[in-house]
Amino acid sequence: MAAHLSALLIFAGLTGIHSVTTVSKVSVKTGGSISVPCFYESKYINHAKYLCEGYAWSSCSYRVKTNEPRRSGRFSISDDNQQRIFTVTIDRVTLFDSYYWCNVEINHGPDDGKQFQLSVTRGRPLLSVDHQKVTGFIGGDVAIRFTHTIRGAIQWCRLGGSCVKEPHGSISTSNPDVFTVTLRGLRAGSSGWYYGAKGEVQMPVHVTVTERPITATVTTTKITTQLMTISLQPVNHTSASPNNTSKEQSKRGPDHLLRFIIPASVLIVIVLVALIFWCVLRQHKLKKAQSSAAAKAEEEVTYSVVSHRRPKMKKQDLAQDEDVTYSTLAQH
């Protein structure tokens, strides 16, 4: 069954396509948002596509178009020429939203299109999905969970292609109100639009498949961990046969690695913190030593006081000074 589903994911879009194909009825809660894919034939790749609102195709009013601004109010549109699918999105859904058309513009003739209906509810939708856009990795699996409140047959289909029905290995119905579709063995060609169906209601889901990211490993840390694991392993002195020893080591190897990888990591962190603290302390000591040396050099400077004394006068000079006679001159 899984092989059958893988083949469906790759080749379902190659047959059974006529003009424009889309879902017929989608349930959505008021205020929510819904994206509806519309599949078209290859002859329409270069044609303009548009969303039209109204019950009758002849009197509907277009809301958004691919050759004009691709967003207008609550409506937006995008076109994928590789997948031959254009997608219309309606935001802030109201109770007045009902019938719409996925149309392709024909230059010399009537436009081609397909109608779909929005079943808008105030409470839980008739059929909903956890995520309308999901991502998986090549070679991996992806599970898509649907919730419903109605009766009817369960189907999983690729838009414009074949369907698988319950009971099927990829469809699980363990809960009465829930069914889960699991896609296994994903490939690059598995990307695209699908829909889950319960009775007459469908819910579109877009699946994107990418390469699994490669996790980079640090060689130094790995080697250090291995060395510490080897050094910390206890020595077993009991005798045992080589076969039993190899089996026990193969069983206990992962346990020993998990047992010592955490202490080894903690030890490395402690060593790094201690090294940083030592560097900071050493810089502090160097600055303190330089300050002490400068203070000591200042204390060793010797200051001297220089005083000026007047020379003593000889007795003869004093006598001469005493013999000087001062007179006052008067003018007449």
C-alpha atoms as a PDB file:
ATOM      1  CA  MET A   1       0.000   0.000   0.000  1.00  0.00           C
ATOM      2  CA  ALA A   2       2.862   2.352   0.819  1.00  0.00           C
ATOM      3  CA  ALA A   3       4.434   1.649  -2.584  1.00  0.00           C
ATOM      4  CA  HIS A   4       1.073   2.350  -4.234  1.00  0.00           C
ATOM      5  CA  LEU A   5       0.838   5.702  -2.442  1.00  0.00           C
ATOM      6  CA  SER A   6       4.396   6.646  -3.451  1.00  0.00           C
ATOM      7  CA  ALA A   7       3.529   5.977  -7.079  1.00  0.00           C
ATOM      8  CA  LEU A   8       0.412   8.108  -6.660  1.00  0.00           C
ATOM      9  CA  LEU A   9       2.474  11.028  -5.343  1.00  0.00           C
ATOM     10  CA  ILE A  10       4.698  11.026  -8.444  1.00  0.00           C
ATOM     11  CA  PHE A  11       2.423  10.159 -11.341  1.00  0.00           C
ATOM     12  CA  ALA A  12      -1.029  11.290 -10.225  1.00  0.00           C
ATOM     13  CA  GLY A  13      -0.698  14.699 -11.863  1.00  0.00           C
ATOM     14  CA  LEU A  14       0.111  13.281 -15.305  1.00  0.00           C
ATOM     15  CA  THR A  15      -3.318  11.917 -16.272  1.00  0.00           C
ATOM     16  CA  GLY A  16      -6.995  12.703 -15.982  1.00  0.00           C
ATOM     17  CA  ILE A  17      -6.682  16.498 -16.289  1.00  0.00           C
ATOM     18  CA  HIS A  18      -9.242  18.403 -18.326  1.00  0.00           C
ATOM     19  CA  SER A  19      -9.342  22.207 -18.618  1.00  0.00           C
ATOM     20  CA  VAL A  20      -9.497  23.657 -15.062  1.00  0.00           C
ATOM     21  CA  THR A  21      -9.791  21.448 -11.978  1.00  0.00           C
ATOM     22  CA  THR A  22     -10.343  22.481  -8.357  1.00  0.00           C
ATOM     23  CA  VAL A  23     -12.152  21.368  -5.191  1.00  0.00           C
ATOM     24  CA  SER A  24     -15.942  21.556  -5.212  1.00  0.00           C
ATOM     25  CA  LYS A  25     -16.780  22.520  -1.609  1.00  0.00           C
ATOM     26  CA  VAL A  26     -14.602  23.849   1.199  1.00  0.00           C
ATOM     27  CA  SER A  27     -15.666  24.557   4.779  1.00  0.00           C
ATOM     28  CA  VAL A  28     -14.175  27.491   6.685  1.00  0.00           C
ATOM     29  CA  LYS A  29     -14.978  29.390   9.872  1.00  0.00           C
ATOM     30  CA  THR A  30     -15.955  33.063   9.775  1.00  0.00           C
ATOM     31  CA  GLY A  31     -12.951  35.368  10.094  1.00  0.00           C
ATOM     32  CA  GLY A  32     -10.597  32.657   8.866  1.00  0.00           C
ATOM     33  CA  SER A  33      -8.496  32.355   5.726  1.00  0.00           C
ATOM     34  CA  ILE A  34      -8.580  29.730   2.967  1.00  0.00           C
ATOM     35  CA  SER A  35      -6.338  28.997  -0.034  1.00  0.00           C
ATOM     36  CA  VAL A  36      -7.855  27.144  -2.997  1.00  0.00           C
ATOM     37  CA  PRO A  37      -5.656  25.686  -5.792  1.00  0.00           C
ATOM     38  CA  CYS A  38      -6.838  25.530  -9.406  1.00  0.00           C
ATOM     39  CA  PHE A  39      -5.112  23.106 -11.816  1.00  0.00           C
ATOM     40  CA  TYR A  40      -5.071  23.942 -15.551  1.00  0.00           C
ATOM     41  CA  GLU A  41      -3.905  22.373 -18.803  1.00  0.00           C
ATOM     42  CA  SER A  42      -0.509  23.177 -20.263  1.00  0.00           C
ATOM     43  CA  LYS A  43      -2.081  25.139 -23.119  1.00  0.00           C
ATOM     44  CA  TYR A  44      -3.118  27.756 -20.559  1.00  0.00           C
ATOM     45  CA  ILE A  45       0.370  28.429 -19.156  1.00  0.00           C
ATOM     46  CA  ASN A  46       0.660  31.875 -20.770  1.00  0.00           C
ATOM     47  CA  HIS A  47      -2.963  32.878 -20.189  1.00  0.00           C
ATOM     48  CA  ALA A  48      -4.155  35.241 -17.483  1.00  0.00           C
ATOM     49  CA  LYS A  49      -6.020  33.653 -14.576  1.00  0.00           C
ATOM     50  CA  TYR A  50      -8.516  35.270 -12.230  1.00  0.00           C
ATOM     51  CA  LEU A  51     -10.893  34.694  -9.318  1.00  0.00           C
ATOM     52  CA  CYS A  52     -14.533  35.461 -10.009  1.00  0.00           C
ATOM     53  CA  GLU A  53     -17.323  35.725  -7.410  1.00  0.00           C
ATOM     54  CA  GLY A  54     -20.911  34.731  -8.080  1.00  0.00           C
ATOM     55  CA  TYR A  55     -23.168  31.730  -8.540  1.00  0.00           C
ATOM     56  CA  ALA A  56     -23.492  32.050 -12.326  1.00  0.00           C
ATOM     57  CA  TRP A  57     -20.344  32.090 -14.426  1.00  0.00           C
ATOM     58  CA  SER A  58     -21.883  34.502 -16.951  1.00  0.00           C
ATOM     59  CA  SER A  59     -22.592  37.157 -14.307  1.00  0.00           C
ATOM     60  CA  CYS A  60     -19.758  36.711 -11.779  1.00  0.00           C
ATOM     61  CA  SER A  61     -17.474  39.608 -10.825  1.00  0.00           C
ATOM     62  CA  TYR A  62     -13.706  39.123 -10.875  1.00  0.00           C
ATOM     63  CA  ARG A  63     -11.857  39.928  -7.661  1.00  0.00           C
ATOM     64  CA  VAL A  64      -8.183  39.503  -8.483  1.00  0.00           C
ATOM     65  CA  LYS A  65      -6.169  38.704 -11.628  1.00  0.00           C
ATOM     66  CA  THR A  66      -2.655  37.433 -12.392  1.00  0.00           C
ATOM     67  CA  ASN A  67      -1.818  40.153 -14.960  1.00  0.00           C
ATOM     68  CA  GLU A  68      -2.869  42.909 -12.532  1.00  0.00           C
ATOM     69  CA  PRO A  69      -1.883  43.646  -8.911  1.00  0.00           C
ATOM     70  CA  ARG A  70      -2.046  40.210  -7.354  1.00  0.00           C
ATOM     71  CA  ARG A  71      -3.664  41.399  -4.134  1.00  0.00           C
ATOM     72  CA  SER A  72      -6.897  43.318  -3.896  1.00  0.00           C
ATOM     73  CA  GLY A  73      -8.480  43.769  -0.485  1.00  0.00           C
ATOM     74  CA  ARG A  74      -9.213  40.331   0.988  1.00  0.00           C
ATOM     75  CA  PHE A  75      -8.183  38.469  -2.174  1.00  0.00           C
ATOM     76  CA  SER A  76      -4.819  37.411  -3.591  1.00  0.00           C
ATOM     77  CA  ILE A  77      -3.656  35.149  -6.431  1.00  0.00           C
ATOM     78  CA  SER A  78      -0.415  33.441  -7.509  1.00  0.00           C
ATOM     79  CA  ASP A  79       0.473  31.301 -10.531  1.00  0.00           C
ATOM     80  CA  ASP A  80       2.971  28.380 -10.606  1.00  0.00           C
ATOM     81  CA  ASN A  81       3.739  27.609 -14.250  1.00  0.00           C
ATOM     82  CA  GLN A  82       5.872  24.581 -13.335  1.00  0.00           C
ATOM     83  CA  GLN A  83       3.054  22.850 -11.457  1.00  0.00           C
ATOM     84  CA  ARG A  84       0.366  24.408 -13.705  1.00  0.00           C
ATOM     85  CA  ILE A  85      -1.576  25.569 -10.662  1.00  0.00           C
ATOM     86  CA  PHE A  86      -2.790  29.013  -9.747  1.00  0.00           C
ATOM     87  CA  THR A  87      -3.815  29.559  -6.132  1.00  0.00           C
ATOM     88  CA  VAL A  88      -6.437  31.994  -4.854  1.00  0.00           C
ATOM     89  CA  THR A  89      -6.548  33.063  -1.201  1.00  0.00           C
ATOM     90  CA  ILE A  90      -9.537  34.616   0.569  1.00  0.00           C
ATOM     91  CA  ASP A  91      -8.860  36.303   3.922  1.00  0.00           C
ATOM     92  CA  ARG A  92     -11.305  37.348   6.641  1.00  0.00           C
ATOM     93  CA  VAL A  93     -14.041  35.064   5.350  1.00  0.00           C
ATOM     94  CA  THR A  94     -17.619  36.250   6.051  1.00  0.00           C
ATOM     95  CA  LEU A  95     -21.019  34.581   5.997  1.00  0.00           C
ATOM     96  CA  PHE A  96     -21.669  36.294   2.655  1.00  0.00           C
ATOM     97  CA  ASP A  97     -18.846  34.385   0.943  1.00  0.00           C
ATOM     98  CA  SER A  98     -20.334  31.529  -1.032  1.00  0.00           C
ATOM     99  CA  TYR A  99     -19.684  30.731  -4.717  1.00  0.00           C
ATOM    100  CA  TYR A 100     -16.476  31.494  -6.606  1.00  0.00           C
ATOM    101  CA  TRP A 101     -14.892  30.549  -9.932  1.00  0.00           C
ATOM    102  CA  CYS A 102     -11.301  29.703 -10.897  1.00  0.00           C
ATOM    103  CA  ASN A 103     -11.175  31.114 -14.433  1.00  0.00           C
ATOM    104  CA  VAL A 104      -8.673  31.219 -17.291  1.00  0.00           C
ATOM    105  CA  GLU A 105      -8.916  34.111 -19.723  1.00  0.00           C
ATOM    106  CA  ILE A 106      -9.306  33.127 -23.397  1.00  0.00           C
ATOM    107  CA  ASN A 107      -8.415  35.827 -25.909  1.00  0.00           C
ATOM    108  CA  HIS A 108     -10.610  34.685 -28.800  1.00  0.00           C
ATOM    109  CA  GLY A 109     -13.450  32.823 -27.148  1.00  0.00           C
ATOM    110  CA  PRO A 110     -15.301  32.265 -23.871  1.00  0.00           C
ATOM    111  CA  ASP A 111     -13.215  31.974 -20.724  1.00  0.00           C
ATOM    112  CA  ASP A 112     -12.694  28.557 -19.156  1.00  0.00           C
ATOM    113  CA  GLY A 113     -13.185  27.894 -15.457  1.00  0.00           C
ATOM    114  CA  LYS A 114     -14.407  25.752 -12.573  1.00  0.00           C
ATOM    115  CA  GLN A 115     -16.707  26.675  -9.685  1.00  0.00           C
ATOM    116  CA  PHE A 116     -16.092  26.000  -5.991  1.00  0.00           C
ATOM    117  CA  GLN A 117     -18.256  26.728  -2.961  1.00  0.00           C
ATOM    118  CA  LEU A 118     -17.335  28.056   0.472  1.00  0.00           C
ATOM    119  CA  SER A 119     -19.390  26.581   3.311  1.00  0.00           C
ATOM    120  CA  VAL A 120     -18.919  29.204   6.032  1.00  0.00           C
ATOM    121  CA  THR A 121     -19.741  28.320   9.641  1.00  0.00           C
ATOM    122  CA  ARG A 122     -19.816  30.288  12.882  1.00  0.00           C
ATOM    123  CA  GLY A 123     -18.450  27.373  14.893  1.00  0.00           C
ATOM    124  CA  ARG A 124     -16.306  24.389  13.939  1.00  0.00           C
ATOM    125  CA  PRO A 125     -15.922  23.884  10.181  1.00  0.00           C
ATOM    126  CA  LEU A 126     -17.382  20.744   8.622  1.00  0.00           C
ATOM    127  CA  LEU A 127     -13.839  19.656   7.705  1.00  0.00           C
ATOM    128  CA  SER A 128     -10.588  21.313   8.779  1.00  0.00           C
ATOM    129  CA  VAL A 129      -6.874  20.536   8.810  1.00  0.00           C
ATOM    130  CA  ASP A 130      -4.229  21.395  11.397  1.00  0.00           C
ATOM    131  CA  HIS A 131      -1.977  23.077   8.803  1.00  0.00           C
ATOM    132  CA  GLN A 132      -2.917  23.827   5.201  1.00  0.00           C
ATOM    133  CA  LYS A 133       0.776  24.002   4.279  1.00  0.00           C
ATOM    134  CA  VAL A 134       3.154  21.261   5.473  1.00  0.00           C
ATOM    135  CA  THR A 135       6.835  20.520   4.836  1.00  0.00           C
ATOM    136  CA  GLY A 136       8.632  17.170   4.663  1.00  0.00           C
ATOM    137  CA  PHE A 137      12.107  15.856   3.802  1.00  0.00           C
ATOM    138  CA  ILE A 138      13.149  13.610   0.942  1.00  0.00           C
ATOM    139  CA  GLY A 139      12.965   9.984   2.055  1.00  0.00           C
ATOM    140  CA  GLY A 140      10.973  10.897   5.157  1.00  0.00           C
ATOM    141  CA  ASP A 141       7.332  10.827   6.200  1.00  0.00           C
ATOM    142  CA  VAL A 142       4.757  13.501   6.932  1.00  0.00           C
ATOM    143  CA  ALA A 143       1.432  13.157   8.769  1.00  0.00           C
ATOM    144  CA  ILE A 144      -1.565  15.411   8.013  1.00  0.00           C
ATOM    145  CA  ARG A 145      -4.389  15.513  10.590  1.00  0.00           C
ATOM    146  CA  PHE A 146      -7.983  16.354   9.663  1.00  0.00           C
ATOM    147  CA  THR A 147     -10.920  17.067  11.998  1.00  0.00           C
ATOM    148  CA  HIS A 148     -14.540  16.721  10.838  1.00  0.00           C
ATOM    149  CA  THR A 149     -18.124  16.990  12.077  1.00  0.00           C
ATOM    150  CA  ILE A 150     -19.894  15.211   9.204  1.00  0.00           C
ATOM    151  CA  ARG A 151     -20.369  11.700   7.885  1.00  0.00           C
ATOM    152  CA  GLY A 152     -19.207  10.255   4.605  1.00  0.00           C
ATOM    153  CA  ALA A 153     -16.372   8.413   2.909  1.00  0.00           C
ATOM    154  CA  ILE A 154     -12.792   9.503   3.528  1.00  0.00           C
ATOM    155  CA  GLN A 155     -10.508  10.130   0.541  1.00  0.00           C
ATOM    156  CA  TRP A 156      -7.048  11.519  -0.087  1.00  0.00           C
ATOM    157  CA  CYS A 157      -6.390  12.876  -3.591  1.00  0.00           C
ATOM    158  CA  ARG A 158      -3.777  14.731  -5.536  1.00  0.00           C
ATOM    159  CA  LEU A 159      -5.353  17.737  -7.215  1.00  0.00           C
ATOM    160  CA  GLY A 160      -6.219  16.748 -10.763  1.00  0.00           C
ATOM    161  CA  GLY A 161      -5.052  13.166 -10.204  1.00  0.00           C
ATOM    162  CA  SER A 162      -6.031   9.879  -8.589  1.00  0.00           C
ATOM    163  CA  CYS A 163      -7.403   9.257  -5.094  1.00  0.00           C
ATOM    164  CA  VAL A 164      -7.022   6.626  -2.388  1.00  0.00           C
ATOM    165  CA  LYS A 165      -9.935   5.743  -0.143  1.00  0.00           C
ATOM    166  CA  GLU A 166     -10.408   4.348   3.323  1.00  0.00           C
ATOM    167  CA  PRO A 167      -9.518   1.662   4.290  1.00  0.00           C
ATOM    168  CA  HIS A 168      -5.961   2.323   3.118  1.00  0.00           C
ATOM    169  CA  GLY A 169      -2.636   1.917   4.858  1.00  0.00           C
ATOM    170  CA  SER A 170      -1.920   5.639   4.645  1.00  0.00           C
ATOM    171  CA  ILE A 171      -5.277   6.685   6.184  1.00  0.00           C
ATOM    172  CA  SER A 172      -5.767   6.241   9.935  1.00  0.00           C
ATOM    173  CA  THR A 173      -9.154   6.694  11.657  1.00  0.00           C
ATOM    174  CA  SER A 174      -8.427   5.871  15.295  1.00  0.00           C
ATOM    175  CA  ASN A 175     -10.607   8.768  16.523  1.00  0.00           C
ATOM    176  CA  PRO A 176     -14.256   9.084  15.346  1.00  0.00           C
ATOM    177  CA  ASP A 177     -13.863  12.819  14.632  1.00  0.00           C
ATOM    178  CA  VAL A 178     -10.306  12.686  13.293  1.00  0.00           C
ATOM    179  CA  PHE A 179      -8.487  11.005  10.436  1.00  0.00           C
ATOM    180  CA  THR A 180      -4.789  11.233   9.624  1.00  0.00           C
ATOM    181  CA  VAL A 181      -3.110  10.818   6.237  1.00  0.00           C
ATOM    182  CA  THR A 182       0.552   9.753   6.308  1.00  0.00           C
ATOM    183  CA  LEU A 183       2.747  10.204   3.237  1.00  0.00           C
ATOM    184  CA  ARG A 184       5.738   7.873   3.304  1.00  0.00           C
ATOM    185  CA  GLY A 185       8.916   7.802   1.242  1.00  0.00           C
ATOM    186  CA  LEU A 186       8.658  11.416   0.103  1.00  0.00           C
ATOM    187  CA  ARG A 187      10.425  12.449  -3.104  1.00  0.00           C
ATOM    188  CA  ALA A 188      11.044  15.758  -4.816  1.00  0.00           C
ATOM    189  CA  GLY A 189       8.117  15.026  -7.138  1.00  0.00           C
ATOM    190  CA  SER A 190       5.823  14.626  -4.133  1.00  0.00           C
ATOM    191  CA  SER A 191       5.578  18.409  -3.736  1.00  0.00           C
ATOM    192  CA  GLY A 192       2.262  19.879  -4.789  1.00  0.00           C
ATOM    193  CA  TRP A 193      -1.389  20.387  -3.896  1.00  0.00           C
ATOM    194  CA  TYR A 194      -3.554  17.598  -2.455  1.00  0.00           C
ATOM    195  CA  TYR A 195      -6.866  17.502  -0.646  1.00  0.00           C
ATOM    196  CA  GLY A 196      -8.537  15.388   2.009  1.00  0.00           C
ATOM    197  CA  ALA A 197     -12.229  14.697   1.618  1.00  0.00           C
ATOM    198  CA  LYS A 198     -14.986  13.686   4.021  1.00  0.00           C
ATOM    199  CA  GLY A 199     -18.248  13.131   2.204  1.00  0.00           C
ATOM    200  CA  GLU A 200     -18.837  16.059  -0.169  1.00  0.00           C
ATOM    201  CA  VAL A 201     -16.465  18.479   1.591  1.00  0.00           C
ATOM    202  CA  GLN A 202     -12.767  18.813   0.701  1.00  0.00           C
ATOM    203  CA  MET A 203      -9.827  20.584   2.336  1.00  0.00           C
ATOM    204  CA  PRO A 204      -6.783  21.491   0.184  1.00  0.00           C
ATOM    205  CA  VAL A 205      -3.281  20.873   1.574  1.00  0.00           C
ATOM    206  CA  HIS A 206       0.013  21.956   0.014  1.00  0.00           C
ATOM    207  CA  VAL A 207       3.005  19.647   0.575  1.00  0.00           C
ATOM    208  CA  THR A 208       6.559  20.952   0.125  1.00  0.00           C
ATOM    209  CA  VAL A 209       9.398  18.385   0.026  1.00  0.00           C
ATOM    210  CA  THR A 210      12.988  19.565   0.565  1.00  0.00           C
ATOM    211  CA  GLU A 211      16.430  18.122   1.226  1.00  0.00           C
ATOM    212  CA  ARG A 212      17.064  17.212   4.846  1.00  0.00           C
ATOM    213  CA  PRO A 213      19.474  19.756   6.408  1.00  0.00           C
ATOM    214  CA  ILE A 214      22.931  18.440   7.334  1.00  0.00           C
ATOM    215  CA  THR A 215      23.880  18.963  10.976  1.00  0.00           C
ATOM    216  CA  ALA A 216      27.466  20.196  11.328  1.00  0.00           C
ATOM    217  CA  THR A 217      29.635  18.558  14.025  1.00  0.00           C
ATOM    218  CA  VAL A 218      32.586  20.128  15.782  1.00  0.00           C
ATOM    219  CA  THR A 219      35.583  17.800  15.343  1.00  0.00           C
ATOM    220  CA  THR A 220      37.493  19.108  18.352  1.00  0.00           C
ATOM    221  CA  THR A 221      34.604  18.572  20.742  1.00  0.00           C
ATOM    222  CA  LYS A 222      33.968  15.117  19.329  1.00  0.00           C
ATOM    223  CA  ILE A 223      37.588  14.030  19.765  1.00  0.00           C
ATOM    224  CA  THR A 224      37.759  15.481  23.296  1.00  0.00           C
ATOM    225  CA  THR A 225      34.569  13.682  24.271  1.00  0.00           C
ATOM    226  CA  GLN A 226      35.847  10.393  22.890  1.00  0.00           C
ATOM    227  CA  LEU A 227      39.171  10.722  24.722  1.00  0.00           C
ATOM    228  CA  MET A 228      37.501  11.550  28.022  1.00  0.00           C
ATOM    229  CA  THR A 229      35.072   8.678  27.538  1.00  0.00           C
ATOM    230  CA  ILE A 230      37.946   6.256  27.021  1.00  0.00           C
ATOM    231  CA  SER A 231      39.888   7.568  30.021  1.00  0.00           C
ATOM    232  CA  LEU A 232      36.870   7.465  32.337  1.00  0.00           C
ATOM    233  CA  GLN A 233      35.716   3.989  31.418  1.00  0.00           C
ATOM    234  CA  PRO A 234      36.164   1.552  34.369  1.00  0.00           C
ATOM    235  CA  VAL A 235      38.538  -1.348  33.959  1.00  0.00           C
ATOM    236  CA  ASN A 236      36.823  -4.695  34.166  1.00  0.00           C
ATOM    237  CA  HIS A 237      39.102  -7.217  35.866  1.00  0.00           C
ATOM    238  CA  THR A 238      36.680 -10.135  35.547  1.00  0.00           C
ATOM    239  CA  SER A 239      37.453 -12.733  32.970  1.00  0.00           C
ATOM    240  CA  ALA A 240      35.107 -13.146  30.045  1.00  0.00           C
ATOM    241  CA  SER A 241      35.188 -14.714  26.639  1.00  0.00           C
ATOM    242  CA  PRO A 242      36.069 -12.480  23.665  1.00  0.00           C
ATOM    243  CA  ASN A 243      32.657 -12.963  22.077  1.00  0.00           C
ATOM    244  CA  ASN A 244      30.754 -12.063  25.247  1.00  0.00           C
ATOM    245  CA  THR A 245      33.032  -9.068  25.852  1.00  0.00           C
ATOM    246  CA  SER A 246      32.489  -7.689  22.357  1.00  0.00           C
ATOM    247  CA  LYS A 247      28.731  -8.130  22.663  1.00  0.00           C
ATOM    248  CA  GLU A 248      28.638  -6.409  26.054  1.00  0.00           C
ATOM    249  CA  GLN A 249      30.792  -3.553  24.785  1.00  0.00           C
ATOM    250  CA  SER A 250      28.557  -3.077  21.740  1.00  0.00           C
ATOM    251  CA  LYS A 251      25.488  -2.946  23.986  1.00  0.00           C
ATOM    252  CA  ARG A 252      27.046  -0.700  26.628  1.00  0.00           C
ATOM    253  CA  GLY A 253      28.856   1.596  24.184  1.00  0.00           C
ATOM    254  CA  PRO A 254      25.981   4.055  23.671  1.00  0.00           C
ATOM    255  CA  ASP A 255      25.187   3.973  27.403  1.00  0.00           C
ATOM    256  CA  HIS A 256      28.784   4.820  28.329  1.00  0.00           C
ATOM    257  CA  LEU A 257      28.856   7.599  25.749  1.00  0.00           C
ATOM    258  CA  LEU A 258      25.669   9.151  27.126  1.00  0.00           C
ATOM    259  CA  ARG A 259      26.908   8.654  30.700  1.00  0.00           C
ATOM    260  CA  PHE A 260      30.151  10.576  30.196  1.00  0.00           C
ATOM    261  CA  ILE A 261      29.342  13.092  27.481  1.00  0.00           C
ATOM    262  CA  ILE A 262      27.504  15.406  29.920  1.00  0.00           C
ATOM    263  CA  PRO A 263      30.269  15.411  32.601  1.00  0.00           C
ATOM    264  CA  ALA A 264      32.846  15.925  29.854  1.00  0.00           C
ATOM    265  CA  SER A 265      30.961  18.932  28.527  1.00  0.00           C
ATOM    266  CA  VAL A 266      30.623  20.368  32.036  1.00  0.00           C
ATOM    267  CA  LEU A 267      34.345  19.850  32.650  1.00  0.00           C
ATOM    268  CA  ILE A 268      35.246  21.677  29.447  1.00  0.00           C
ATOM    269  CA  VAL A 269      33.036  24.608  30.440  1.00  0.00           C
ATOM    270  CA  ILE A 270      34.601  24.733  33.929  1.00  0.00           C
ATOM    271  CA  VAL A 271      38.118  24.745  32.433  1.00  0.00           C
ATOM    272  CA  LEU A 272      37.203  27.589  30.069  1.00  0.00           C
ATOM    273  CA  VAL A 273      35.676  29.639  32.906  1.00  0.00           C
ATOM    274  CA  ALA A 274      38.738  29.027  35.103  1.00  0.00           C
ATOM    275  CA  LEU A 275      41.051  30.095  32.272  1.00  0.00           C
ATOM    276  CA  ILE A 276      39.113  33.313  31.736  1.00  0.00           C
ATOM    277  CA  PHE A 277      39.136  34.054  35.502  1.00  0.00           C
ATOM    278  CA  TRP A 278      42.906  33.421  35.662  1.00  0.00           C
ATOM    279  CA  CYS A 279      43.537  35.842  32.771  1.00  0.00           C
ATOM    280  CA  VAL A 280      41.432  38.557  34.422  1.00  0.00           C
ATOM    281  CA  LEU A 281      43.198  38.014  37.773  1.00  0.00           C
ATOM    282  CA  ARG A 282      46.622  38.148  36.125  1.00  0.00           C
ATOM    283  CA  GLN A 283      45.794  41.446  34.413  1.00  0.00           C
ATOM    284  CA  HIS A 284      44.645  42.855  37.752  1.00  0.00           C
ATOM    285  CA  LYS A 285      47.882  41.793  39.468  1.00  0.00           C
ATOM    286  CA  LEU A 286      50.003  43.346  36.690  1.00  0.00           C
ATOM    287  CA  LYS A 287      48.183  46.667  37.023  1.00  0.00           C
ATOM    288  CA  LYS A 288      48.583  46.576  40.817  1.00  0.00           C
ATOM    289  CA  ALA A 289      52.339  45.832  40.521  1.00  0.00           C
ATOM    290  CA  GLN A 290      52.833  48.752  38.117  1.00  0.00           C
ATOM    291  CA  SER A 291      51.024  51.103  40.514  1.00  0.00           C
ATOM    292  CA  SER A 292      53.192  49.944  43.457  1.00  0.00           C
ATOM    293  CA  ALA A 293      56.419  50.440  41.488  1.00  0.00           C
ATOM    294  CA  ALA A 294      55.419  53.992  40.571  1.00  0.00           C
ATOM    295  CA  ALA A 295      54.639  54.830  44.217  1.00  0.00           C
ATOM    296  CA  LYS A 296      57.958  53.411  45.424  1.00  0.00           C
ATOM    297  CA  ALA A 297      59.933  55.398  42.870  1.00  0.00           C
ATOM    298  CA  GLU A 298      58.213  58.565  44.067  1.00  0.00           C
ATOM    299  CA  GLU A 299      59.148  57.843  47.698  1.00  0.00           C
ATOM    300  CA  GLU A 300      62.864  57.481  46.825  1.00  0.00           C
ATOM    301  CA  VAL A 301      63.181  61.071  45.525  1.00  0.00           C
ATOM    302  CA  THR A 302      65.355  63.284  47.934  1.00  0.00           C
ATOM    303  CA  TYR A 303      64.411  66.910  48.374  1.00  0.00           C
ATOM    304  CA  SER A 304      66.963  69.553  49.695  1.00  0.00           C
ATOM    305  CA  VAL A 305      66.334  73.015  51.077  1.00  0.00           C
ATOM    306  CA  VAL A 306      68.519  75.795  49.745  1.00  0.00           C
ATOM    307  CA  SER A 307      68.854  78.942  51.937  1.00  0.00           C
ATOM    308  CA  HIS A 308      70.640  82.194  51.141  1.00  0.00           C
ATOM    309  CA  ARG A 309      72.719  83.836  53.861  1.00  0.00           C
ATOM    310  CA  ARG A 310      74.054  87.375  53.789  1.00  0.00           C
ATOM    311  CA  PRO A 311      77.864  87.514  54.070  1.00  0.00           C
ATOM    312  CA  LYS A 312      79.270  88.903  57.280  1.00  0.00           C
ATOM    313  CA  MET A 313      80.828  92.372  57.062  1.00  0.00           C
ATOM    314  CA  LYS A 314      84.289  93.050  58.291  1.00  0.00           C
ATOM    315  CA  LYS A 315      84.962  95.338  61.204  1.00  0.00           C
ATOM    316  CA  GLN A 316      86.721  97.886  58.990  1.00  0.00           C
ATOM    317  CA  ASP A 317      83.710  98.138  56.781  1.00  0.00           C
ATOM    318  CA  LEU A 318      81.514  98.655  59.795  1.00  0.00           C
ATOM    319  CA  ALA A 319      83.842 101.389  61.077  1.00  0.00           C
ATOM    320  CA  GLN A 320      83.839 103.142  57.784  1.00  0.00           C
ATOM    321  CA  ASP A 321      80.101 102.903  57.725  1.00  0.00           C
ATOM    322  CA  GLU A 322      79.959 104.499  61.141  1.00  0.00           C
ATOM    323  CA  ASP A 323      82.322 107.331  60.063  1.00  0.00           C
ATOM    324  CA  VAL A 324      80.059 108.490  57.324  1.00  0.00           C
ATOM    325  CA  THR A 325      78.533 111.900  58.070  1.00  0.00           C
ATOM    326  CA  TYR A 326      75.185 112.750  56.644  1.00  0.00           C
ATOM    327  CA  SER A 327      74.265 116.455  56.118  1.00  0.00           C
ATOM    328  CA  THR A 328      71.158 118.225  55.027  1.00  0.00           C
ATOM    329  CA  LEU A 329      71.421 120.801  52.246  1.00  0.00           C
ATOM    330  CA  ALA A 330      69.159 123.761  52.379  1.00  0.00           C
ATOM    331  CA  GLN A 331      68.388 125.996  49.487  1.00  0.00           C
ATOM    332  CA  HIS A 332      68.230 129.744  49.998  1.00  0.00           C
END
